[in-house]
């Protein structure tokens, strides 16, 4: 890229790309109408049920139960209420202070409804349900306990996955509505280590770190932890599969805690595209 060219380069999305980027964390997508149509229960042992409460918290009484494999649930809303724009405007201290997220859910028949902790629900995609990591014992005592996600990875891996998910969501939202994107100096430190932030500012970037090209027109799949080695010695590996102008590609993000920042939040320190990497 010549030094007088603008960075980041203009990214072109097809309508399908915007509409099919579905996030496993419900808060970001359903607010603007892009979320999944159905949800299912995850992370509950086969001999247990998910508590459904009168309000968003364990201080509210249990009024219903969802089965450990309950499917085709509908999501009404979640609290705290925010979309990607709200989230990226928060400071790290404000994000850390947010309470656990709860969602108001109902069955398709609308015969049962109530609030559940968000980590116990996931998009109900077509096809077979993957093996889940069950919680132990009465989930009433587990509502606020740290849990593993549906693939058995711990909260560190899930934090890294959500970080990459937010990065792509922010990029798509920016290209659709304008404003500073996730690679802009005002926002990049929310996603990347200081070394990557400095590299983004250096003018040495030859292609878009999210797509490995200067232009993009295609479909993006939801980020997933690497199935073979999701975490090794504190480094989390997150894969993002996408098509660009009809060609299947993969971006690999390496994430670790950044002790130089308050609370040591997860930050991306390396990105790979088909054998070459940033920085």
C-alpha atoms as a PDB file:
ATOM      1  CA  UNK A   1       0.000   0.000   0.000  1.00  0.00           C
ATOM      2  CA  UNK A   2       1.356   3.410  -0.912  1.00  0.00           C
ATOM      3  CA  UNK A   3       1.835   5.794   2.002  1.00  0.00           C
ATOM      4  CA  UNK A   4      -0.675   8.271   0.631  1.00  0.00           C
ATOM      5  CA  UNK A   5      -3.464   5.700   0.526  1.00  0.00           C
ATOM      6  CA  UNK A   6      -6.073   5.753   3.249  1.00  0.00           C
ATOM      7  CA  UNK A   7      -6.045   3.178   6.023  1.00  0.00           C
ATOM      8  CA  UNK A   8      -8.056   1.148   6.638  1.00  0.00           C
ATOM      9  CA  UNK A   9      -8.945   0.383   3.016  1.00  0.00           C
ATOM     10  CA  UNK A  10     -12.591   0.445   2.079  1.00  0.00           C
ATOM     11  CA  UNK A  11     -14.201  -2.906   2.778  1.00  0.00           C
ATOM     12  CA  UNK A  12     -17.172  -3.954   0.670  1.00  0.00           C
ATOM     13  CA  UNK A  13     -19.749  -6.283   2.209  1.00  0.00           C
ATOM     14  CA  UNK A  14     -22.542  -8.037   0.435  1.00  0.00           C
ATOM     15  CA  UNK A  15     -25.913  -7.824   2.175  1.00  0.00           C
ATOM     16  CA  UNK A  16     -25.584 -11.516   2.981  1.00  0.00           C
ATOM     17  CA  UNK A  17     -22.352 -10.873   4.850  1.00  0.00           C
ATOM     18  CA  UNK A  18     -24.006  -8.429   7.191  1.00  0.00           C
ATOM     19  CA  UNK A  19     -27.074 -10.576   7.717  1.00  0.00           C
ATOM     20  CA  UNK A  20     -25.354 -13.917   8.293  1.00  0.00           C
ATOM     21  CA  UNK A  21     -22.729 -12.949  10.860  1.00  0.00           C
ATOM     22  CA  UNK A  22     -24.460 -14.593  13.818  1.00  0.00           C
ATOM     23  CA  UNK A  23     -22.985 -14.281  17.276  1.00  0.00           C
ATOM     24  CA  UNK A  24     -23.148 -16.838  20.037  1.00  0.00           C
ATOM     25  CA  UNK A  25     -23.278 -14.016  22.581  1.00  0.00           C
ATOM     26  CA  UNK A  26     -26.843 -12.852  22.170  1.00  0.00           C
ATOM     27  CA  UNK A  27     -26.473  -9.276  23.349  1.00  0.00           C
ATOM     28  CA  UNK A  28     -24.728  -7.955  20.277  1.00  0.00           C
ATOM     29  CA  UNK A  29     -26.787  -9.242  17.416  1.00  0.00           C
ATOM     30  CA  UNK A  30     -30.414  -9.509  18.407  1.00  0.00           C
ATOM     31  CA  UNK A  31     -30.778  -5.799  19.181  1.00  0.00           C
ATOM     32  CA  UNK A  32     -30.367  -4.755  15.564  1.00  0.00           C
ATOM     33  CA  UNK A  33     -32.356  -7.673  14.164  1.00  0.00           C
ATOM     34  CA  UNK A  34     -29.450  -9.855  13.076  1.00  0.00           C
ATOM     35  CA  UNK A  35     -29.667 -12.448  15.825  1.00  0.00           C
ATOM     36  CA  UNK A  36     -30.745 -16.082  15.555  1.00  0.00           C
ATOM     37  CA  UNK A  37     -34.405 -17.032  15.505  1.00  0.00           C
ATOM     38  CA  UNK A  38     -34.049 -19.804  18.085  1.00  0.00           C
ATOM     39  CA  UNK A  39     -31.907 -20.668  21.094  1.00  0.00           C
ATOM     40  CA  UNK A  40     -31.192 -23.811  23.083  1.00  0.00           C
ATOM     41  CA  UNK A  41     -30.014 -24.652  26.591  1.00  0.00           C
ATOM     42  CA  UNK A  42     -26.327 -25.532  26.989  1.00  0.00           C
ATOM     43  CA  UNK A  43     -23.990 -26.561  29.801  1.00  0.00           C
ATOM     44  CA  UNK A  44     -26.569 -28.379  31.952  1.00  0.00           C
ATOM     45  CA  UNK A  45     -26.081 -32.016  33.006  1.00  0.00           C
ATOM     46  CA  UNK A  46     -28.521 -34.550  31.533  1.00  0.00           C
ATOM     47  CA  UNK A  47     -29.984 -35.255  34.999  1.00  0.00           C
ATOM     48  CA  UNK A  48     -30.505 -31.568  35.813  1.00  0.00           C
ATOM     49  CA  UNK A  49     -32.657 -28.660  34.627  1.00  0.00           C
ATOM     50  CA  UNK A  50     -32.031 -24.949  34.079  1.00  0.00           C
ATOM     51  CA  UNK A  51     -33.650 -22.640  36.618  1.00  0.00           C
ATOM     52  CA  UNK A  52     -35.942 -20.014  35.082  1.00  0.00           C
ATOM     53  CA  UNK A  53     -36.383 -17.048  37.400  1.00  0.00           C
ATOM     54  CA  UNK A  54     -38.869 -14.240  37.912  1.00  0.00           C
ATOM     55  CA  UNK A  55     -36.184 -11.612  37.347  1.00  0.00           C
ATOM     56  CA  UNK A  56     -32.566 -11.211  36.197  1.00  0.00           C
ATOM     57  CA  UNK A  57     -30.663 -12.568  39.186  1.00  0.00           C
ATOM     58  CA  UNK A  58     -30.478 -15.323  41.778  1.00  0.00           C
ATOM     59  CA  UNK A  59     -32.321 -13.142  44.271  1.00  0.00           C
ATOM     60  CA  UNK A  60     -35.500 -13.757  42.251  1.00  0.00           C
ATOM     61  CA  UNK A  61     -37.502 -16.953  42.853  1.00  0.00           C
ATOM     62  CA  UNK A  62     -37.465 -19.860  40.412  1.00  0.00           C
ATOM     63  CA  UNK A  63     -40.768 -19.978  38.541  1.00  0.00           C
ATOM     64  CA  UNK A  64     -40.073 -22.521  35.765  1.00  0.00           C
ATOM     65  CA  UNK A  65     -37.460 -24.967  34.503  1.00  0.00           C
ATOM     66  CA  UNK A  66     -36.033 -25.622  31.054  1.00  0.00           C
ATOM     67  CA  UNK A  67     -34.826 -29.116  30.206  1.00  0.00           C
ATOM     68  CA  UNK A  68     -31.068 -29.699  29.853  1.00  0.00           C
ATOM     69  CA  UNK A  69     -31.620 -30.097  26.084  1.00  0.00           C
ATOM     70  CA  UNK A  70     -34.457 -27.575  25.641  1.00  0.00           C
ATOM     71  CA  UNK A  71     -34.524 -26.209  22.091  1.00  0.00           C
ATOM     72  CA  UNK A  72     -36.360 -23.653  19.954  1.00  0.00           C
ATOM     73  CA  UNK A  73     -36.429 -21.022  22.698  1.00  0.00           C
ATOM     74  CA  UNK A  74     -37.162 -17.413  21.812  1.00  0.00           C
ATOM     75  CA  UNK A  75     -35.222 -14.505  23.270  1.00  0.00           C
ATOM     76  CA  UNK A  76     -37.134 -11.390  24.294  1.00  0.00           C
ATOM     77  CA  UNK A  77     -34.335  -9.201  25.687  1.00  0.00           C
ATOM     78  CA  UNK A  78     -31.170  -9.270  27.812  1.00  0.00           C
ATOM     79  CA  UNK A  79     -29.775  -7.061  30.568  1.00  0.00           C
ATOM     80  CA  UNK A  80     -27.503  -5.172  30.823  1.00  0.00           C
ATOM     81  CA  UNK A  81     -28.805  -3.778  27.531  1.00  0.00           C
ATOM     82  CA  UNK A  82     -26.157  -2.763  24.981  1.00  0.00           C
ATOM     83  CA  UNK A  83     -25.133  -3.174  21.370  1.00  0.00           C
ATOM     84  CA  UNK A  84     -21.648  -3.109  19.853  1.00  0.00           C
ATOM     85  CA  UNK A  85     -21.615   0.692  19.669  1.00  0.00           C
ATOM     86  CA  UNK A  86     -22.501   1.031  23.337  1.00  0.00           C
ATOM     87  CA  UNK A  87     -19.955  -1.629  24.312  1.00  0.00           C
ATOM     88  CA  UNK A  88     -17.044  -0.089  22.457  1.00  0.00           C
ATOM     89  CA  UNK A  89     -17.770   3.301  24.074  1.00  0.00           C
ATOM     90  CA  UNK A  90     -17.236   1.845  27.562  1.00  0.00           C
ATOM     91  CA  UNK A  91     -13.934   2.028  29.400  1.00  0.00           C
ATOM     92  CA  UNK A  92     -12.242  -1.150  30.622  1.00  0.00           C
ATOM     93  CA  UNK A  93     -13.268  -0.276  34.171  1.00  0.00           C
ATOM     94  CA  UNK A  94     -16.898   0.118  33.111  1.00  0.00           C
ATOM     95  CA  UNK A  95     -16.843  -3.198  31.239  1.00  0.00           C
ATOM     96  CA  UNK A  96     -15.342  -4.971  34.251  1.00  0.00           C
ATOM     97  CA  UNK A  97     -18.052  -3.472  36.477  1.00  0.00           C
ATOM     98  CA  UNK A  98     -20.939  -4.745  34.350  1.00  0.00           C
ATOM     99  CA  UNK A  99     -23.069  -7.342  36.152  1.00  0.00           C
ATOM    100  CA  UNK A 100     -23.558 -10.841  34.806  1.00  0.00           C
ATOM    101  CA  UNK A 101     -25.837 -10.879  31.765  1.00  0.00           C
ATOM    102  CA  UNK A 102     -29.330 -12.384  32.063  1.00  0.00           C
ATOM    103  CA  UNK A 103     -31.825 -13.002  29.264  1.00  0.00           C
ATOM    104  CA  UNK A 104     -35.618 -13.171  29.244  1.00  0.00           C
ATOM    105  CA  UNK A 105     -36.532 -16.353  27.354  1.00  0.00           C
ATOM    106  CA  UNK A 106     -39.737 -18.132  26.414  1.00  0.00           C
ATOM    107  CA  UNK A 107     -40.691 -21.384  24.754  1.00  0.00           C
ATOM    108  CA  UNK A 108     -42.038 -21.366  21.202  1.00  0.00           C
ATOM    109  CA  UNK A 109     -45.451 -22.366  22.569  1.00  0.00           C
ATOM    110  CA  UNK A 110     -45.221 -19.427  25.039  1.00  0.00           C
ATOM    111  CA  UNK A 111     -46.290 -21.711  27.894  1.00  0.00           C
ATOM    112  CA  UNK A 112     -43.120 -21.026  29.927  1.00  0.00           C
ATOM    113  CA  UNK A 113     -41.032 -17.871  30.233  1.00  0.00           C
ATOM    114  CA  UNK A 114     -38.552 -16.255  32.570  1.00  0.00           C
ATOM    115  CA  UNK A 115     -34.973 -15.104  33.122  1.00  0.00           C
ATOM    116  CA  UNK A 116     -31.879 -17.305  32.781  1.00  0.00           C
ATOM    117  CA  UNK A 117     -28.143 -16.610  33.004  1.00  0.00           C
ATOM    118  CA  UNK A 118     -26.962 -15.954  29.445  1.00  0.00           C
ATOM    119  CA  UNK A 119     -24.082 -18.448  29.541  1.00  0.00           C
ATOM    120  CA  UNK A 120     -26.645 -21.281  29.665  1.00  0.00           C
ATOM    121  CA  UNK A 121     -28.129 -20.454  26.236  1.00  0.00           C
ATOM    122  CA  UNK A 122     -26.637 -20.606  22.763  1.00  0.00           C
ATOM    123  CA  UNK A 123     -27.967 -20.193  19.199  1.00  0.00           C
ATOM    124  CA  UNK A 124     -30.017 -23.231  18.140  1.00  0.00           C
ATOM    125  CA  UNK A 125     -28.451 -23.910  14.756  1.00  0.00           C
ATOM    126  CA  UNK A 126     -29.717 -26.621  12.424  1.00  0.00           C
ATOM    127  CA  UNK A 127     -28.132 -30.049  12.731  1.00  0.00           C
ATOM    128  CA  UNK A 128     -26.973 -32.133  15.661  1.00  0.00           C
ATOM    129  CA  UNK A 129     -26.225 -30.562  19.006  1.00  0.00           C
ATOM    130  CA  UNK A 130     -22.539 -30.876  19.899  1.00  0.00           C
ATOM    131  CA  UNK A 131     -21.442 -32.487  23.155  1.00  0.00           C
ATOM    132  CA  UNK A 132     -21.755 -30.097  26.073  1.00  0.00           C
ATOM    133  CA  UNK A 133     -19.739 -29.636  29.234  1.00  0.00           C
ATOM    134  CA  UNK A 134     -22.293 -30.314  31.999  1.00  0.00           C
ATOM    135  CA  UNK A 135     -22.540 -28.325  35.175  1.00  0.00           C
ATOM    136  CA  UNK A 136     -22.502 -30.281  38.395  1.00  0.00           C
ATOM    137  CA  UNK A 137     -25.301 -30.563  40.913  1.00  0.00           C
ATOM    138  CA  UNK A 138     -28.253 -28.247  41.440  1.00  0.00           C
ATOM    139  CA  UNK A 139     -27.953 -25.376  38.975  1.00  0.00           C
ATOM    140  CA  UNK A 140     -29.699 -23.070  41.444  1.00  0.00           C
ATOM    141  CA  UNK A 141     -26.361 -22.894  43.245  1.00  0.00           C
ATOM    142  CA  UNK A 142     -24.527 -22.590  39.944  1.00  0.00           C
ATOM    143  CA  UNK A 143     -26.316 -19.555  38.476  1.00  0.00           C
ATOM    144  CA  UNK A 144     -23.476 -17.162  39.304  1.00  0.00           C
ATOM    145  CA  UNK A 145     -20.541 -19.597  39.341  1.00  0.00           C
ATOM    146  CA  UNK A 146     -17.861 -19.511  36.605  1.00  0.00           C
ATOM    147  CA  UNK A 147     -18.782 -22.025  33.925  1.00  0.00           C
ATOM    148  CA  UNK A 148     -17.266 -23.630  30.888  1.00  0.00           C
ATOM    149  CA  UNK A 149     -18.833 -22.888  27.519  1.00  0.00           C
ATOM    150  CA  UNK A 150     -20.617 -25.430  25.331  1.00  0.00           C
ATOM    151  CA  UNK A 151     -17.397 -26.864  23.871  1.00  0.00           C
ATOM    152  CA  UNK A 152     -15.813 -27.440  27.282  1.00  0.00           C
ATOM    153  CA  UNK A 153     -13.403 -24.486  27.134  1.00  0.00           C
ATOM    154  CA  UNK A 154     -13.008 -22.289  30.178  1.00  0.00           C
ATOM    155  CA  UNK A 155     -13.850 -18.635  30.591  1.00  0.00           C
ATOM    156  CA  UNK A 156     -10.432 -17.489  29.368  1.00  0.00           C
ATOM    157  CA  UNK A 157     -11.067 -19.074  25.967  1.00  0.00           C
ATOM    158  CA  UNK A 158     -14.588 -17.669  25.842  1.00  0.00           C
ATOM    159  CA  UNK A 159     -13.323 -14.162  26.651  1.00  0.00           C
ATOM    160  CA  UNK A 160     -10.869 -14.410  23.749  1.00  0.00           C
ATOM    161  CA  UNK A 161     -13.571 -15.663  21.380  1.00  0.00           C
ATOM    162  CA  UNK A 162     -15.912 -12.817  22.335  1.00  0.00           C
ATOM    163  CA  UNK A 163     -13.090 -10.295  21.838  1.00  0.00           C
ATOM    164  CA  UNK A 164     -12.557 -11.478  18.231  1.00  0.00           C
ATOM    165  CA  UNK A 165     -16.316 -11.583  17.704  1.00  0.00           C
ATOM    166  CA  UNK A 166     -16.620  -7.969  18.874  1.00  0.00           C
ATOM    167  CA  UNK A 167     -13.774  -6.989  16.543  1.00  0.00           C
ATOM    168  CA  UNK A 168     -15.604  -8.272  13.453  1.00  0.00           C
ATOM    169  CA  UNK A 169     -18.951  -6.947  14.601  1.00  0.00           C
ATOM    170  CA  UNK A 170     -17.437  -3.490  15.143  1.00  0.00           C
ATOM    171  CA  UNK A 171     -15.871  -3.576  11.652  1.00  0.00           C
ATOM    172  CA  UNK A 172     -19.142  -4.537   9.952  1.00  0.00           C
ATOM    173  CA  UNK A 173     -21.102  -1.973  11.969  1.00  0.00           C
ATOM    174  CA  UNK A 174     -18.586   0.727  11.008  1.00  0.00           C
ATOM    175  CA  UNK A 175     -18.728  -0.107   7.300  1.00  0.00           C
ATOM    176  CA  UNK A 176     -22.520  -0.048   7.427  1.00  0.00           C
ATOM    177  CA  UNK A 177     -22.975   3.117   9.488  1.00  0.00           C
ATOM    178  CA  UNK A 178     -19.642   4.969   9.386  1.00  0.00           C
ATOM    179  CA  UNK A 179     -17.562   6.295  12.244  1.00  0.00           C
ATOM    180  CA  UNK A 180     -14.208   5.164  13.694  1.00  0.00           C
ATOM    181  CA  UNK A 181     -13.624   1.458  13.175  1.00  0.00           C
ATOM    182  CA  UNK A 182     -11.848  -1.095  15.370  1.00  0.00           C
ATOM    183  CA  UNK A 183      -8.505  -0.422  13.621  1.00  0.00           C
ATOM    184  CA  UNK A 184      -8.745   3.315  14.213  1.00  0.00           C
ATOM    185  CA  UNK A 185      -6.300   4.604  16.867  1.00  0.00           C
ATOM    186  CA  UNK A 186      -9.190   5.644  19.108  1.00  0.00           C
ATOM    187  CA  UNK A 187     -10.452   2.042  19.270  1.00  0.00           C
ATOM    188  CA  UNK A 188      -7.633  -0.362  18.389  1.00  0.00           C
ATOM    189  CA  UNK A 189      -6.292  -0.618  21.953  1.00  0.00           C
ATOM    190  CA  UNK A 190      -9.605  -2.200  22.963  1.00  0.00           C
ATOM    191  CA  UNK A 191      -8.734  -5.255  20.855  1.00  0.00           C
ATOM    192  CA  UNK A 192      -4.954  -5.381  20.339  1.00  0.00           C
ATOM    193  CA  UNK A 193      -1.739  -5.201  22.344  1.00  0.00           C
ATOM    194  CA  UNK A 194       0.280  -1.993  22.209  1.00  0.00           C
ATOM    195  CA  UNK A 195       2.703  -3.577  19.699  1.00  0.00           C
ATOM    196  CA  UNK A 196      -0.138  -4.246  17.252  1.00  0.00           C
ATOM    197  CA  UNK A 197      -1.606  -0.783  17.847  1.00  0.00           C
ATOM    198  CA  UNK A 198       1.751   0.793  16.999  1.00  0.00           C
ATOM    199  CA  UNK A 199       2.029  -1.399  13.903  1.00  0.00           C
ATOM    200  CA  UNK A 200      -1.431  -0.299  12.730  1.00  0.00           C
ATOM    201  CA  UNK A 201      -0.306   3.314  13.059  1.00  0.00           C
ATOM    202  CA  UNK A 202       3.006   2.722  11.267  1.00  0.00           C
ATOM    203  CA  UNK A 203       1.693   2.799   7.699  1.00  0.00           C
ATOM    204  CA  UNK A 204       3.347  -0.565   6.963  1.00  0.00           C
ATOM    205  CA  UNK A 205       0.062  -2.466   6.761  1.00  0.00           C
ATOM    206  CA  UNK A 206      -0.412  -3.946   3.296  1.00  0.00           C
ATOM    207  CA  UNK A 207      -3.812  -5.606   3.733  1.00  0.00           C
ATOM    208  CA  UNK A 208      -6.755  -5.591   6.103  1.00  0.00           C
ATOM    209  CA  UNK A 209      -5.879  -7.611   9.252  1.00  0.00           C
ATOM    210  CA  UNK A 210      -9.381  -9.083   9.432  1.00  0.00           C
ATOM    211  CA  UNK A 211      -9.596 -10.191   5.803  1.00  0.00           C
ATOM    212  CA  UNK A 212      -6.045 -10.407   4.462  1.00  0.00           C
ATOM    213  CA  UNK A 213      -6.903  -8.188   1.484  1.00  0.00           C
ATOM    214  CA  UNK A 214      -7.624  -4.553   0.690  1.00  0.00           C
ATOM    215  CA  UNK A 215     -11.209  -5.303  -0.391  1.00  0.00           C
ATOM    216  CA  UNK A 216     -13.794  -7.688   0.978  1.00  0.00           C
ATOM    217  CA  UNK A 217     -17.053  -9.006  -0.443  1.00  0.00           C
ATOM    218  CA  UNK A 218     -18.242 -12.222   1.148  1.00  0.00           C
ATOM    219  CA  UNK A 219     -19.505 -14.096   4.186  1.00  0.00           C
ATOM    220  CA  UNK A 220     -18.003 -14.289   7.679  1.00  0.00           C
ATOM    221  CA  UNK A 221     -18.580 -17.224  10.026  1.00  0.00           C
ATOM    222  CA  UNK A 222     -18.730 -16.864  13.801  1.00  0.00           C
ATOM    223  CA  UNK A 223     -15.297 -17.086  15.498  1.00  0.00           C
ATOM    224  CA  UNK A 224     -14.461 -20.441  17.122  1.00  0.00           C
ATOM    225  CA  UNK A 225     -11.658 -21.662  19.392  1.00  0.00           C
ATOM    226  CA  UNK A 226      -9.106 -23.845  17.635  1.00  0.00           C
ATOM    227  CA  UNK A 227     -10.374 -27.433  18.057  1.00  0.00           C
ATOM    228  CA  UNK A 228      -6.914 -28.979  18.479  1.00  0.00           C
ATOM    229  CA  UNK A 229      -5.305 -26.472  20.835  1.00  0.00           C
ATOM    230  CA  UNK A 230      -7.701 -23.782  22.077  1.00  0.00           C
ATOM    231  CA  UNK A 231      -5.263 -22.627  24.760  1.00  0.00           C
ATOM    232  CA  UNK A 232      -1.578 -23.331  25.372  1.00  0.00           C
ATOM    233  CA  UNK A 233       0.463 -21.681  28.115  1.00  0.00           C
ATOM    234  CA  UNK A 234      -1.991 -18.803  28.377  1.00  0.00           C
ATOM    235  CA  UNK A 235      -2.236 -18.198  24.617  1.00  0.00           C
ATOM    236  CA  UNK A 236      -5.700 -18.682  23.111  1.00  0.00           C
ATOM    237  CA  UNK A 237      -6.139 -19.465  19.401  1.00  0.00           C
ATOM    238  CA  UNK A 238      -9.351 -18.310  17.699  1.00  0.00           C
ATOM    239  CA  UNK A 239     -10.214 -19.194  14.082  1.00  0.00           C
ATOM    240  CA  UNK A 240     -12.445 -17.138  11.790  1.00  0.00           C
ATOM    241  CA  UNK A 241     -13.508 -18.767   8.522  1.00  0.00           C
ATOM    242  CA  UNK A 242     -14.839 -16.567   5.740  1.00  0.00           C
ATOM    243  CA  UNK A 243     -15.188 -16.318   1.979  1.00  0.00           C
ATOM    244  CA  UNK A 244     -13.833 -13.337   0.057  1.00  0.00           C
ATOM    245  CA  UNK A 245     -14.945 -12.954  -3.548  1.00  0.00           C
ATOM    246  CA  UNK A 246     -15.959 -16.619  -3.451  1.00  0.00           C
ATOM    247  CA  UNK A 247     -12.648 -17.937  -2.072  1.00  0.00           C
ATOM    248  CA  UNK A 248     -12.652 -19.749   1.319  1.00  0.00           C
ATOM    249  CA  UNK A 249     -10.110 -18.325   3.753  1.00  0.00           C
ATOM    250  CA  UNK A 250      -9.232 -18.393   7.421  1.00  0.00           C
ATOM    251  CA  UNK A 251      -7.868 -15.768   9.808  1.00  0.00           C
ATOM    252  CA  UNK A 252      -6.204 -17.038  12.989  1.00  0.00           C
ATOM    253  CA  UNK A 253      -6.080 -14.763  16.023  1.00  0.00           C
ATOM    254  CA  UNK A 254      -3.710 -15.308  18.934  1.00  0.00           C
ATOM    255  CA  UNK A 255      -4.946 -13.810  22.196  1.00  0.00           C
ATOM    256  CA  UNK A 256      -3.481 -13.563  25.670  1.00  0.00           C
ATOM    257  CA  UNK A 257      -3.909 -11.510  28.840  1.00  0.00           C
ATOM    258  CA  UNK A 258      -2.227  -8.109  28.655  1.00  0.00           C
ATOM    259  CA  UNK A 259      -0.673  -7.368  32.074  1.00  0.00           C
ATOM    260  CA  UNK A 260       0.262  -3.837  30.982  1.00  0.00           C
ATOM    261  CA  UNK A 261      -3.409  -2.834  31.206  1.00  0.00           C
ATOM    262  CA  UNK A 262      -5.590  -2.640  34.348  1.00  0.00           C
ATOM    263  CA  UNK A 263      -7.162  -6.006  35.065  1.00  0.00           C
ATOM    264  CA  UNK A 264      -4.977  -7.768  32.434  1.00  0.00           C
ATOM    265  CA  UNK A 265      -7.732  -7.959  29.777  1.00  0.00           C
ATOM    266  CA  UNK A 266      -7.539 -10.289  26.780  1.00  0.00           C
ATOM    267  CA  UNK A 267      -5.853  -8.696  23.757  1.00  0.00           C
ATOM    268  CA  UNK A 268      -4.869  -9.902  20.274  1.00  0.00           C
ATOM    269  CA  UNK A 269      -1.091  -9.990  19.778  1.00  0.00           C
ATOM    270  CA  UNK A 270      -0.820 -11.779  16.414  1.00  0.00           C
ATOM    271  CA  UNK A 271      -2.975 -12.453  13.333  1.00  0.00           C
ATOM    272  CA  UNK A 272      -2.238 -15.046  10.631  1.00  0.00           C
ATOM    273  CA  UNK A 273      -3.624 -15.397   7.112  1.00  0.00           C
ATOM    274  CA  UNK A 274      -2.673 -18.442   5.018  1.00  0.00           C
ATOM    275  CA  UNK A 275       0.928 -18.705   6.148  1.00  0.00           C
ATOM    276  CA  UNK A 276       1.781 -15.034   6.670  1.00  0.00           C
ATOM    277  CA  UNK A 277       1.153 -13.018   9.762  1.00  0.00           C
ATOM    278  CA  UNK A 278       0.683  -9.576  11.337  1.00  0.00           C
ATOM    279  CA  UNK A 279       2.899  -8.024  12.462  1.00  0.00           C
END
